[in-house]
């Protein structure tokens, strides 16, 4: 099977989104890029039932290369990221995770940027912007998302959800979970009072520290 490993990984991470409470039903989507091909979740299929052969392969021009099922309705967002987004550190953009996670979506209705409640916000970038609302699956949404992603590895989509990317699915998915946790933290703190936020420049400082974090 063409890109069998990538298709299997898309299935596995789509199921993880459900298990981790980042999506409900068939909402959200996952994709991974290999060369000029994209393996992406199909539209309207329960993730519990997904099989590798259900994952369509799409060329960067949006045409279907392999697979009988139609790709996610959010394909314009995925294609826009692979064609135009640039990782802040020049890393390859090989995977995308789009969620409808509750806390992050709630925050997207309240602010234009995620407040700097925790330094782990820096895993996305110096700030995390909220892309202006547009109807799902439209070029307008893809355009708004690209603007919010400039210099960032993720964003919120107003009244909709989140999108994160990475050099592989593990990185993109980890950022989606981290972003949801940060948004939950801020909402909990805000419900109890006026949370203290990190001072200006601290997130940018941590962005620099993260460039040498972990094993290299």
N, C-alpha and C. Protein backbone atom coordinates (compact mmCIF):
# COMPACT_ATOMS: atom_id res chain seq x y z
N UNK A 1 0.84 -1.20 0.00
CA UNK A 1 0.00 0.00 0.00
C UNK A 1 0.88 1.25 0.00
N UNK A 2 0.55 2.20 -0.86
CA UNK A 2 1.29 3.44 -0.94
C UNK A 2 1.17 4.22 0.37
N UNK A 3 2.31 4.59 0.96
CA UNK A 3 2.37 5.32 2.23
C UNK A 3 1.57 4.60 3.32
N UNK A 4 1.76 3.30 3.40
CA UNK A 4 1.02 2.51 4.39
C UNK A 4 1.31 2.93 5.82
N UNK A 5 2.56 3.21 6.15
CA UNK A 5 2.91 3.62 7.52
C UNK A 5 2.28 4.96 7.86
N UNK A 6 2.32 5.88 6.93
CA UNK A 6 1.74 7.20 7.17
C UNK A 6 0.22 7.12 7.33
N UNK A 7 -0.42 6.31 6.53
CA UNK A 7 -1.87 6.16 6.64
C UNK A 7 -2.25 5.55 7.98
N UNK A 8 -1.49 4.56 8.41
CA UNK A 8 -1.75 3.93 9.71
C UNK A 8 -1.56 4.94 10.84
N UNK A 9 -0.52 5.77 10.75
CA UNK A 9 -0.27 6.77 11.78
C UNK A 9 -1.42 7.78 11.86
N UNK A 10 -1.97 8.17 10.71
CA UNK A 10 -3.11 9.08 10.71
C UNK A 10 -4.29 8.45 11.45
N UNK A 11 -4.55 7.18 11.21
CA UNK A 11 -5.63 6.48 11.92
C UNK A 11 -5.39 6.49 13.42
N UNK A 12 -4.17 6.17 13.82
CA UNK A 12 -3.85 6.06 15.24
C UNK A 12 -3.98 7.41 15.95
N UNK A 13 -3.50 8.47 15.32
CA UNK A 13 -3.59 9.78 15.97
C UNK A 13 -5.01 10.32 15.95
N UNK A 14 -5.78 9.99 14.95
CA UNK A 14 -7.19 10.40 14.95
C UNK A 14 -7.92 9.75 16.12
N UNK A 15 -7.63 8.49 16.39
CA UNK A 15 -8.25 7.82 17.53
C UNK A 15 -7.76 8.40 18.86
N UNK A 16 -6.48 8.79 18.89
CA UNK A 16 -5.96 9.41 20.11
C UNK A 16 -6.68 10.72 20.41
N UNK A 17 -7.01 11.49 19.37
CA UNK A 17 -7.74 12.74 19.59
C UNK A 17 -9.04 12.50 20.32
N UNK A 18 -9.75 11.45 19.92
CA UNK A 18 -11.01 11.11 20.58
C UNK A 18 -10.75 10.66 22.01
N UNK A 19 -9.79 9.77 22.21
CA UNK A 19 -9.49 9.24 23.54
C UNK A 19 -9.05 10.35 24.50
N UNK A 20 -8.34 11.34 23.99
CA UNK A 20 -7.85 12.43 24.83
C UNK A 20 -8.84 13.58 24.96
N UNK A 21 -10.01 13.43 24.37
CA UNK A 21 -11.05 14.44 24.51
C UNK A 21 -10.81 15.71 23.70
N UNK A 22 -9.99 15.61 22.66
CA UNK A 22 -9.73 16.78 21.83
C UNK A 22 -10.77 16.97 20.73
N UNK A 23 -11.55 15.94 20.45
CA UNK A 23 -12.62 16.01 19.46
C UNK A 23 -13.79 15.15 19.94
N UNK A 24 -14.94 15.35 19.32
CA UNK A 24 -16.12 14.52 19.56
C UNK A 24 -16.62 14.05 18.21
N UNK A 25 -16.96 12.77 18.11
CA UNK A 25 -17.49 12.24 16.86
C UNK A 25 -16.47 12.27 15.75
N UNK A 26 -16.86 12.86 14.63
CA UNK A 26 -15.96 12.90 13.46
C UNK A 26 -15.34 14.29 13.28
N UNK A 27 -15.38 15.12 14.31
CA UNK A 27 -14.82 16.47 14.18
C UNK A 27 -13.30 16.42 14.26
N UNK A 28 -12.67 17.52 13.86
CA UNK A 28 -11.22 17.57 13.84
C UNK A 28 -10.65 16.72 12.71
N UNK A 29 -9.34 16.82 12.49
CA UNK A 29 -8.70 16.04 11.43
C UNK A 29 -7.20 16.03 11.62
N UNK A 30 -6.56 15.09 10.93
CA UNK A 30 -5.13 14.85 11.06
C UNK A 30 -4.56 14.61 9.68
N UNK A 31 -3.34 15.08 9.45
CA UNK A 31 -2.67 14.75 8.19
C UNK A 31 -1.17 14.64 8.40
N UNK A 32 -0.53 13.92 7.49
CA UNK A 32 0.93 13.80 7.50
C UNK A 32 1.41 13.88 6.06
N UNK A 33 2.53 14.56 5.87
CA UNK A 33 3.08 14.75 4.52
C UNK A 33 4.29 13.85 4.32
N UNK A 34 4.37 13.25 3.14
CA UNK A 34 5.55 12.49 2.73
C UNK A 34 5.87 12.91 1.30
N UNK A 35 6.91 13.71 1.15
CA UNK A 35 7.23 14.23 -0.18
C UNK A 35 6.15 15.15 -0.67
N UNK A 36 5.59 14.85 -1.84
CA UNK A 36 4.54 15.69 -2.42
C UNK A 36 3.14 15.13 -2.18
N UNK A 37 3.03 14.14 -1.29
CA UNK A 37 1.73 13.54 -1.00
C UNK A 37 1.34 13.77 0.45
N UNK A 38 0.03 13.88 0.68
CA UNK A 38 -0.52 14.10 2.02
C UNK A 38 -1.51 12.98 2.33
N UNK A 39 -1.31 12.29 3.45
CA UNK A 39 -2.28 11.33 3.95
C UNK A 39 -3.14 12.07 4.98
N UNK A 40 -4.46 12.09 4.77
CA UNK A 40 -5.34 12.92 5.60
C UNK A 40 -6.61 12.17 5.95
N UNK A 41 -7.18 12.45 7.10
CA UNK A 41 -8.42 11.80 7.50
C UNK A 41 -9.54 12.09 6.49
N UNK A 42 -10.41 11.11 6.25
CA UNK A 42 -11.55 11.34 5.36
C UNK A 42 -12.66 12.09 6.08
N UNK A 43 -13.60 12.61 5.34
CA UNK A 43 -14.70 13.34 5.93
C UNK A 43 -15.80 12.38 6.39
N UNK A 44 -16.34 12.65 7.58
CA UNK A 44 -17.53 11.97 8.05
C UNK A 44 -17.39 10.50 8.37
N UNK A 45 -16.20 10.05 8.77
CA UNK A 45 -16.00 8.64 9.12
C UNK A 45 -15.61 8.57 10.59
N UNK A 46 -16.31 7.72 11.36
CA UNK A 46 -16.00 7.54 12.77
C UNK A 46 -14.56 7.06 12.91
N UNK A 47 -13.78 7.74 13.74
CA UNK A 47 -12.36 7.40 13.87
C UNK A 47 -12.15 5.99 14.41
N UNK A 48 -13.09 5.49 15.19
CA UNK A 48 -12.96 4.13 15.73
C UNK A 48 -12.95 3.09 14.61
N UNK A 49 -13.55 3.43 13.48
CA UNK A 49 -13.67 2.48 12.37
C UNK A 49 -12.63 2.69 11.29
N UNK A 50 -11.76 3.68 11.43
CA UNK A 50 -10.80 4.01 10.38
C UNK A 50 -9.80 2.88 10.15
N UNK A 51 -9.54 2.59 8.88
CA UNK A 51 -8.50 1.65 8.49
C UNK A 51 -7.55 2.38 7.54
N UNK A 52 -6.36 1.84 7.40
CA UNK A 52 -5.35 2.49 6.56
C UNK A 52 -5.88 2.76 5.16
N UNK A 53 -6.63 1.81 4.61
CA UNK A 53 -7.12 1.98 3.24
C UNK A 53 -8.20 3.06 3.13
N UNK A 54 -8.74 3.52 4.29
CA UNK A 54 -9.73 4.59 4.28
C UNK A 54 -9.10 5.98 4.15
N UNK A 55 -7.79 6.05 4.33
CA UNK A 55 -7.10 7.34 4.35
C UNK A 55 -6.75 7.76 2.93
N UNK A 56 -7.35 8.82 2.42
CA UNK A 56 -7.02 9.27 1.06
C UNK A 56 -5.64 9.91 1.00
N UNK A 57 -5.00 9.75 -0.15
CA UNK A 57 -3.74 10.42 -0.42
C UNK A 57 -4.00 11.57 -1.39
N UNK A 58 -3.53 12.74 -1.02
CA UNK A 58 -3.82 13.95 -1.77
C UNK A 58 -2.53 14.60 -2.22
N UNK A 59 -2.49 15.06 -3.47
CA UNK A 59 -1.34 15.84 -3.96
C UNK A 59 -1.45 17.27 -3.46
N UNK A 60 -0.35 18.00 -3.52
CA UNK A 60 -0.34 19.38 -3.03
C UNK A 60 -1.26 20.31 -3.83
N UNK A 61 -1.67 19.88 -5.04
CA UNK A 61 -2.63 20.68 -5.80
C UNK A 61 -4.07 20.36 -5.42
N UNK A 62 -4.26 19.45 -4.46
CA UNK A 62 -5.59 19.11 -3.99
C UNK A 62 -6.24 17.94 -4.68
N UNK A 63 -5.59 17.36 -5.67
CA UNK A 63 -6.17 16.21 -6.38
C UNK A 63 -5.94 14.92 -5.59
N UNK A 64 -6.86 13.99 -5.74
CA UNK A 64 -6.75 12.70 -5.06
C UNK A 64 -5.85 11.77 -5.87
N UNK A 65 -4.86 11.21 -5.21
CA UNK A 65 -3.91 10.29 -5.85
C UNK A 65 -4.31 8.85 -5.59
N UNK A 66 -4.82 8.58 -4.38
CA UNK A 66 -5.21 7.21 -4.03
C UNK A 66 -6.26 7.27 -2.93
N UNK A 67 -7.17 6.31 -2.94
CA UNK A 67 -8.21 6.24 -1.92
C UNK A 67 -9.58 6.52 -2.50
N UNK A 68 -10.59 5.82 -1.94
CA UNK A 68 -11.96 5.95 -2.44
C UNK A 68 -12.79 6.97 -1.67
N UNK A 69 -12.36 7.33 -0.45
CA UNK A 69 -13.14 8.25 0.37
C UNK A 69 -12.70 9.69 0.15
N UNK A 70 -13.64 10.61 0.28
CA UNK A 70 -13.32 12.03 0.14
C UNK A 70 -12.54 12.52 1.36
N UNK A 71 -11.57 13.41 1.16
CA UNK A 71 -10.79 13.91 2.29
C UNK A 71 -11.62 14.85 3.16
N UNK A 72 -11.08 15.18 4.33
CA UNK A 72 -11.73 16.11 5.23
C UNK A 72 -12.14 17.41 4.54
N UNK A 73 -13.24 17.97 5.02
CA UNK A 73 -13.69 19.26 4.47
C UNK A 73 -12.71 20.38 4.78
N UNK A 74 -11.81 20.16 5.74
CA UNK A 74 -10.81 21.17 6.08
C UNK A 74 -9.53 21.02 5.26
N UNK A 75 -9.59 20.30 4.16
CA UNK A 75 -8.41 20.14 3.31
C UNK A 75 -7.77 21.47 2.92
N UNK A 76 -8.55 22.54 2.64
CA UNK A 76 -7.90 23.81 2.30
C UNK A 76 -6.93 24.31 3.37
N UNK A 77 -7.26 24.09 4.65
CA UNK A 77 -6.34 24.50 5.71
C UNK A 77 -5.06 23.68 5.66
N UNK A 78 -5.18 22.38 5.52
CA UNK A 78 -4.01 21.51 5.48
C UNK A 78 -3.10 21.87 4.30
N UNK A 79 -3.70 22.02 3.14
CA UNK A 79 -2.91 22.35 1.96
C UNK A 79 -2.22 23.70 2.11
N UNK A 80 -2.91 24.68 2.70
CA UNK A 80 -2.32 26.00 2.88
C UNK A 80 -1.10 25.93 3.79
N UNK A 81 -1.18 25.14 4.85
CA UNK A 81 -0.04 25.01 5.76
C UNK A 81 1.14 24.37 5.04
N UNK A 82 0.90 23.27 4.34
CA UNK A 82 2.00 22.58 3.66
C UNK A 82 2.61 23.42 2.54
N UNK A 83 1.80 24.21 1.89
CA UNK A 83 2.32 25.03 0.79
C UNK A 83 3.02 26.29 1.27
N UNK A 84 2.51 26.90 2.35
CA UNK A 84 2.92 28.27 2.66
C UNK A 84 3.49 28.50 4.06
N UNK A 85 3.16 27.67 5.03
CA UNK A 85 3.65 27.92 6.39
C UNK A 85 5.14 27.62 6.48
N UNK A 86 5.82 28.40 7.32
CA UNK A 86 7.25 28.21 7.53
C UNK A 86 7.53 28.07 9.02
N UNK A 87 8.15 26.99 9.41
CA UNK A 87 8.50 26.78 10.81
C UNK A 87 9.47 27.87 11.26
N UNK A 88 9.29 28.42 12.47
CA UNK A 88 10.18 29.50 12.94
C UNK A 88 11.65 29.12 12.97
N UNK A 89 11.95 27.84 13.17
CA UNK A 89 13.34 27.39 13.21
C UNK A 89 13.77 26.69 11.94
N UNK A 90 12.95 26.77 10.91
CA UNK A 90 13.30 26.15 9.64
C UNK A 90 13.13 24.66 9.58
N UNK A 91 12.43 24.08 10.57
CA UNK A 91 12.18 22.65 10.56
C UNK A 91 11.13 22.32 9.49
N UNK A 92 11.12 21.08 9.00
CA UNK A 92 10.12 20.72 8.00
C UNK A 92 8.72 20.68 8.61
N UNK A 93 7.74 21.02 7.79
CA UNK A 93 6.34 20.97 8.20
C UNK A 93 5.74 19.70 7.61
N UNK A 94 5.66 18.66 8.42
CA UNK A 94 5.28 17.34 7.90
C UNK A 94 4.00 16.77 8.51
N UNK A 95 3.38 17.48 9.43
CA UNK A 95 2.17 16.94 10.06
C UNK A 95 1.32 18.06 10.62
N UNK A 96 0.00 17.84 10.62
CA UNK A 96 -0.97 18.83 11.10
C UNK A 96 -2.02 18.13 11.95
N UNK A 97 -2.38 18.77 13.05
CA UNK A 97 -3.47 18.29 13.90
C UNK A 97 -4.46 19.44 14.09
N UNK A 98 -5.71 19.19 13.77
CA UNK A 98 -6.78 20.18 13.95
C UNK A 98 -7.79 19.61 14.93
N UNK A 99 -8.01 20.31 16.06
CA UNK A 99 -8.92 19.80 17.09
C UNK A 99 -10.08 20.76 17.30
N UNK A 100 -11.07 20.26 18.02
CA UNK A 100 -12.18 21.07 18.52
C UNK A 100 -12.18 21.02 20.05
N UNK A 101 -11.02 21.04 20.65
CA UNK A 101 -10.91 20.87 22.10
C UNK A 101 -11.66 21.98 22.83
N UNK A 102 -12.31 21.59 23.93
CA UNK A 102 -13.28 22.46 24.60
C UNK A 102 -12.65 23.73 25.17
N UNK A 103 -11.58 23.60 25.93
CA UNK A 103 -11.03 24.76 26.62
C UNK A 103 -10.40 25.75 25.63
N UNK A 104 -9.66 25.23 24.65
CA UNK A 104 -9.05 26.10 23.66
C UNK A 104 -10.12 26.82 22.84
N UNK A 105 -11.18 26.10 22.48
CA UNK A 105 -12.25 26.74 21.71
C UNK A 105 -12.95 27.80 22.54
N UNK A 106 -13.14 27.52 23.84
CA UNK A 106 -13.74 28.53 24.72
C UNK A 106 -12.88 29.78 24.78
N UNK A 107 -11.57 29.61 24.90
CA UNK A 107 -10.67 30.76 24.95
C UNK A 107 -10.74 31.55 23.64
N UNK A 108 -10.94 30.84 22.52
CA UNK A 108 -10.99 31.52 21.22
C UNK A 108 -12.17 32.49 21.12
N UNK A 109 -13.16 32.35 21.99
CA UNK A 109 -14.32 33.25 21.99
C UNK A 109 -14.13 34.45 22.91
N UNK A 110 -13.01 34.47 23.65
CA UNK A 110 -12.82 35.49 24.68
C UNK A 110 -11.70 36.48 24.38
N UNK A 111 -10.67 36.05 23.66
CA UNK A 111 -9.48 36.88 23.49
C UNK A 111 -8.99 36.81 22.04
N UNK A 112 -8.06 37.70 21.71
CA UNK A 112 -7.44 37.68 20.39
C UNK A 112 -6.08 36.98 20.41
N UNK A 113 -5.51 36.81 21.59
CA UNK A 113 -4.30 36.02 21.80
C UNK A 113 -4.45 35.26 23.10
N UNK A 114 -3.86 34.07 23.16
CA UNK A 114 -3.89 33.29 24.40
C UNK A 114 -3.05 34.03 25.44
N UNK A 115 -3.60 34.35 26.60
CA UNK A 115 -2.83 35.09 27.60
C UNK A 115 -1.61 34.29 28.08
N UNK A 116 -0.49 34.96 28.39
CA UNK A 116 0.73 34.26 28.81
C UNK A 116 0.65 33.78 30.25
N UNK A 117 -0.17 32.78 30.48
CA UNK A 117 -0.40 32.23 31.82
C UNK A 117 0.69 31.26 32.23
N UNK A 118 1.40 30.69 31.24
CA UNK A 118 2.43 29.67 31.53
C UNK A 118 3.49 29.72 30.44
N UNK A 119 4.72 29.45 30.85
CA UNK A 119 5.83 29.55 29.88
C UNK A 119 5.75 28.51 28.77
N UNK A 120 5.00 27.42 28.96
CA UNK A 120 4.91 26.41 27.91
C UNK A 120 4.17 26.91 26.67
N UNK A 121 3.58 28.09 26.77
CA UNK A 121 3.03 28.72 25.57
C UNK A 121 4.11 28.84 24.50
N UNK A 122 5.35 28.92 24.94
CA UNK A 122 6.48 29.08 24.01
C UNK A 122 6.69 27.87 23.12
N UNK A 123 6.07 26.74 23.42
CA UNK A 123 6.17 25.59 22.51
C UNK A 123 5.49 25.88 21.17
N UNK A 124 4.61 26.87 21.16
CA UNK A 124 3.93 27.29 19.93
C UNK A 124 4.66 28.48 19.30
N UNK A 125 5.03 29.45 20.13
CA UNK A 125 5.69 30.64 19.62
C UNK A 125 5.66 31.74 20.66
N UNK A 126 6.12 32.92 20.33
CA UNK A 126 6.15 34.02 21.30
C UNK A 126 4.76 34.43 21.77
N UNK A 127 3.75 34.22 20.94
CA UNK A 127 2.35 34.36 21.33
C UNK A 127 1.56 33.30 20.57
N UNK A 128 0.32 33.09 20.98
CA UNK A 128 -0.59 32.23 20.22
C UNK A 128 -1.80 33.08 19.84
N UNK A 129 -1.92 33.34 18.56
CA UNK A 129 -2.98 34.21 18.07
C UNK A 129 -4.28 33.43 17.86
N UNK A 130 -5.38 34.18 17.77
CA UNK A 130 -6.68 33.63 17.43
C UNK A 130 -7.03 34.11 16.02
N UNK A 131 -7.18 33.18 15.09
CA UNK A 131 -7.57 33.53 13.72
C UNK A 131 -9.03 33.96 13.69
N UNK A 132 -9.33 34.98 12.92
CA UNK A 132 -10.70 35.48 12.80
C UNK A 132 -11.62 34.37 12.29
N UNK A 133 -12.86 34.41 12.73
CA UNK A 133 -13.81 33.38 12.34
C UNK A 133 -14.12 33.43 10.84
N UNK A 134 -14.21 32.25 10.26
CA UNK A 134 -14.71 32.08 8.89
C UNK A 134 -15.34 30.69 8.83
N UNK A 135 -16.26 30.49 7.92
CA UNK A 135 -16.95 29.21 7.80
C UNK A 135 -15.96 28.08 7.55
N UNK A 136 -16.21 26.95 8.17
CA UNK A 136 -15.29 25.81 8.04
C UNK A 136 -15.17 25.37 6.58
N UNK A 137 -13.98 24.90 6.23
CA UNK A 137 -13.75 24.36 4.90
C UNK A 137 -13.60 25.38 3.80
N UNK A 138 -13.51 26.66 4.14
CA UNK A 138 -13.47 27.72 3.11
C UNK A 138 -12.06 28.27 2.94
N UNK A 139 -11.77 28.85 1.77
CA UNK A 139 -10.50 29.55 1.59
C UNK A 139 -10.33 30.70 2.57
N UNK A 140 -11.44 31.33 2.98
CA UNK A 140 -11.36 32.43 3.92
C UNK A 140 -10.80 31.96 5.27
N UNK A 141 -11.22 30.79 5.71
CA UNK A 141 -10.69 30.25 6.96
C UNK A 141 -9.22 29.92 6.82
N UNK A 142 -8.84 29.32 5.71
CA UNK A 142 -7.43 28.99 5.48
C UNK A 142 -6.57 30.25 5.49
N UNK A 143 -7.08 31.33 4.90
CA UNK A 143 -6.32 32.59 4.86
C UNK A 143 -6.17 33.18 6.25
N UNK A 144 -7.25 33.19 7.02
CA UNK A 144 -7.19 33.73 8.38
C UNK A 144 -6.23 32.91 9.24
N UNK A 145 -6.26 31.60 9.06
CA UNK A 145 -5.37 30.72 9.81
C UNK A 145 -3.92 30.99 9.49
N UNK A 146 -3.59 31.16 8.21
CA UNK A 146 -2.20 31.42 7.82
C UNK A 146 -1.67 32.71 8.45
N UNK A 147 -2.51 33.72 8.50
CA UNK A 147 -2.10 34.97 9.14
C UNK A 147 -1.79 34.77 10.61
N UNK A 148 -2.63 34.00 11.30
CA UNK A 148 -2.41 33.74 12.72
C UNK A 148 -1.19 32.86 12.96
N UNK A 149 -0.84 32.04 11.99
CA UNK A 149 0.29 31.12 12.14
C UNK A 149 1.64 31.77 11.87
N UNK A 150 1.68 32.96 11.32
CA UNK A 150 2.96 33.55 10.93
C UNK A 150 3.92 33.58 12.11
N UNK A 151 5.06 32.91 11.96
CA UNK A 151 6.04 32.85 13.03
C UNK A 151 5.65 31.98 14.19
N UNK A 152 4.62 31.16 14.03
CA UNK A 152 4.09 30.32 15.10
C UNK A 152 3.92 28.88 14.60
N UNK A 153 3.81 27.94 15.53
CA UNK A 153 3.57 26.54 15.17
C UNK A 153 2.14 26.11 15.49
N UNK A 154 1.28 27.07 15.77
CA UNK A 154 -0.10 26.75 16.06
C UNK A 154 -0.90 28.01 16.30
N UNK A 155 -2.22 27.86 16.31
CA UNK A 155 -3.11 28.99 16.57
C UNK A 155 -4.45 28.45 17.02
N UNK A 156 -5.27 29.35 17.55
CA UNK A 156 -6.68 29.05 17.77
C UNK A 156 -7.47 29.57 16.59
N UNK A 157 -8.59 28.95 16.33
CA UNK A 157 -9.52 29.37 15.29
C UNK A 157 -10.78 29.85 16.01
N UNK A 158 -11.13 31.11 15.85
CA UNK A 158 -12.22 31.70 16.62
C UNK A 158 -13.50 30.89 16.49
N UNK A 159 -14.11 30.59 17.65
CA UNK A 159 -15.39 29.86 17.70
C UNK A 159 -15.34 28.53 16.95
N UNK A 160 -14.16 27.89 16.94
CA UNK A 160 -14.00 26.70 16.11
C UNK A 160 -13.08 25.66 16.77
N UNK A 161 -11.81 26.00 17.01
CA UNK A 161 -10.90 24.99 17.55
C UNK A 161 -9.45 25.43 17.48
N UNK A 162 -8.57 24.47 17.20
CA UNK A 162 -7.14 24.75 17.15
C UNK A 162 -6.52 24.11 15.92
N UNK A 163 -5.33 24.59 15.56
CA UNK A 163 -4.51 23.93 14.55
C UNK A 163 -3.05 24.06 14.97
N UNK A 164 -2.36 22.92 14.96
CA UNK A 164 -0.92 22.91 15.25
C UNK A 164 -0.23 22.06 14.20
N UNK A 165 1.06 22.36 13.98
CA UNK A 165 1.83 21.55 13.03
C UNK A 165 3.18 21.20 13.63
N UNK A 166 3.90 20.30 12.96
CA UNK A 166 5.21 19.91 13.45
C UNK A 166 5.99 19.15 12.41
N UNK A 167 7.20 18.78 12.78
CA UNK A 167 8.05 18.01 11.88
C UNK A 167 7.58 16.57 11.74
N UNK A 168 6.73 16.13 12.68
CA UNK A 168 6.10 14.81 12.59
C UNK A 168 4.81 14.86 13.40
N UNK A 169 4.05 13.76 13.36
CA UNK A 169 2.76 13.76 14.05
C UNK A 169 2.91 13.86 15.56
N UNK A 170 3.95 13.26 16.10
CA UNK A 170 4.16 13.35 17.55
C UNK A 170 4.33 14.80 17.99
N UNK A 171 5.10 15.58 17.23
CA UNK A 171 5.32 16.98 17.57
C UNK A 171 4.04 17.79 17.42
N UNK A 172 3.33 17.61 16.32
CA UNK A 172 2.10 18.36 16.09
C UNK A 172 1.05 18.01 17.14
N UNK A 173 0.95 16.73 17.48
CA UNK A 173 -0.06 16.31 18.45
C UNK A 173 0.30 16.79 19.85
N UNK A 174 1.58 16.72 20.19
CA UNK A 174 2.01 17.22 21.49
C UNK A 174 1.67 18.68 21.68
N UNK A 175 1.84 19.48 20.64
CA UNK A 175 1.51 20.90 20.71
C UNK A 175 0.01 21.12 20.87
N UNK A 176 -0.79 20.29 20.21
CA UNK A 176 -2.25 20.41 20.35
C UNK A 176 -2.67 20.14 21.79
N UNK A 177 -2.10 19.12 22.41
CA UNK A 177 -2.43 18.81 23.80
C UNK A 177 -1.93 19.90 24.74
N UNK A 178 -0.73 20.39 24.48
CA UNK A 178 -0.17 21.44 25.33
C UNK A 178 -1.01 22.70 25.26
N UNK A 179 -1.45 23.05 24.06
CA UNK A 179 -2.26 24.24 23.88
C UNK A 179 -3.59 24.11 24.61
N UNK A 180 -4.20 22.94 24.56
CA UNK A 180 -5.45 22.73 25.29
C UNK A 180 -5.23 22.85 26.79
N UNK A 181 -4.13 22.30 27.29
CA UNK A 181 -3.84 22.38 28.73
C UNK A 181 -3.63 23.83 29.17
N UNK A 182 -2.91 24.60 28.38
CA UNK A 182 -2.67 26.01 28.72
C UNK A 182 -3.98 26.78 28.77
N UNK A 183 -4.85 26.54 27.80
CA UNK A 183 -6.14 27.22 27.77
C UNK A 183 -7.01 26.81 28.96
N UNK A 184 -6.97 25.54 29.31
CA UNK A 184 -7.72 25.08 30.49
C UNK A 184 -7.19 25.75 31.75
N UNK A 185 -5.87 25.83 31.87
CA UNK A 185 -5.26 26.48 33.03
C UNK A 185 -5.72 27.93 33.16
N UNK A 186 -5.70 28.67 32.05
CA UNK A 186 -6.12 30.06 32.11
C UNK A 186 -7.59 30.20 32.49
N UNK A 187 -8.44 29.35 31.92
CA UNK A 187 -9.87 29.43 32.25
C UNK A 187 -10.13 29.12 33.71
N UNK A 188 -9.43 28.13 34.26
CA UNK A 188 -9.60 27.79 35.68
C UNK A 188 -9.16 28.95 36.56
N UNK A 189 -7.98 29.51 36.25
CA UNK A 189 -7.48 30.63 37.04
C UNK A 189 -8.41 31.84 36.93
N UNK A 190 -8.89 32.08 35.74
CA UNK A 190 -9.77 33.24 35.50
C UNK A 190 -11.10 33.08 36.24
N UNK A 191 -11.59 31.85 36.34
CA UNK A 191 -12.86 31.63 37.04
C UNK A 191 -12.75 31.92 38.53
N UNK A 192 -11.50 31.86 39.06
CA UNK A 192 -11.28 32.10 40.49
C UNK A 192 -10.89 33.53 40.79
N UNK A 193 -10.49 34.28 39.77
CA UNK A 193 -10.07 35.66 40.01
C UNK A 193 -9.35 36.22 38.80
N UNK A 194 -8.40 37.09 39.05
CA UNK A 194 -7.61 37.72 37.98
C UNK A 194 -6.21 37.12 38.00
N UNK A 195 -5.93 36.18 37.12
CA UNK A 195 -4.64 35.49 37.17
C UNK A 195 -3.47 36.42 36.85
N UNK A 196 -2.35 36.20 37.56
CA UNK A 196 -1.11 36.90 37.23
C UNK A 196 -0.56 36.31 35.95
N UNK A 197 -0.15 37.17 35.04
CA UNK A 197 0.40 36.73 33.76
C UNK A 197 1.90 36.97 33.73
N UNK A 198 2.58 36.24 32.89
CA UNK A 198 4.02 36.41 32.75
C UNK A 198 4.33 37.79 32.17
N UNK A 199 5.45 38.39 32.56
CA UNK A 199 5.78 39.74 32.09
C UNK A 199 6.11 39.75 30.60
N UNK A 200 5.98 40.90 29.96
CA UNK A 200 6.33 41.00 28.54
C UNK A 200 7.76 40.53 28.30
N UNK A 201 7.94 39.79 27.25
CA UNK A 201 9.27 39.31 26.89
C UNK A 201 9.64 37.96 27.47
N UNK A 202 8.92 37.49 28.50
CA UNK A 202 9.32 36.21 29.10
C UNK A 202 9.08 35.04 28.15
N UNK A 203 7.95 35.05 27.44
CA UNK A 203 7.68 33.95 26.51
C UNK A 203 8.74 33.93 25.40
N UNK A 204 9.10 35.12 24.89
CA UNK A 204 10.15 35.16 23.87
C UNK A 204 11.47 34.60 24.42
N UNK A 205 11.76 34.89 25.69
CA UNK A 205 12.97 34.36 26.33
C UNK A 205 12.93 32.84 26.38
N UNK A 206 11.77 32.30 26.73
CA UNK A 206 11.64 30.84 26.81
C UNK A 206 11.71 30.21 25.42
N UNK A 207 11.17 30.90 24.42
CA UNK A 207 11.31 30.41 23.04
C UNK A 207 12.78 30.15 22.72
N UNK A 208 13.63 31.06 23.09
CA UNK A 208 15.07 30.90 22.84
C UNK A 208 15.63 29.74 23.64
N UNK A 209 15.24 29.60 24.90
CA UNK A 209 15.74 28.50 25.73
C UNK A 209 15.32 27.14 25.17
N UNK A 210 14.10 27.07 24.61
CA UNK A 210 13.60 25.79 24.10
C UNK A 210 14.38 25.31 22.88
N UNK A 211 15.07 26.21 22.21
CA UNK A 211 15.83 25.82 21.03
C UNK A 211 16.99 24.88 21.39
N UNK A 212 17.40 24.88 22.66
CA UNK A 212 18.48 23.97 23.09
C UNK A 212 18.00 22.99 24.15
N UNK A 213 16.66 22.85 24.28
CA UNK A 213 16.09 21.96 25.30
C UNK A 213 16.13 20.50 24.85
N UNK A 214 16.35 19.61 25.80
CA UNK A 214 16.26 18.18 25.53
C UNK A 214 17.51 17.61 24.88
N UNK A 215 17.40 16.37 24.44
CA UNK A 215 18.52 15.66 23.83
C UNK A 215 18.65 16.05 22.36
N UNK A 216 19.85 16.30 21.94
CA UNK A 216 20.08 16.71 20.54
C UNK A 216 21.03 15.71 19.88
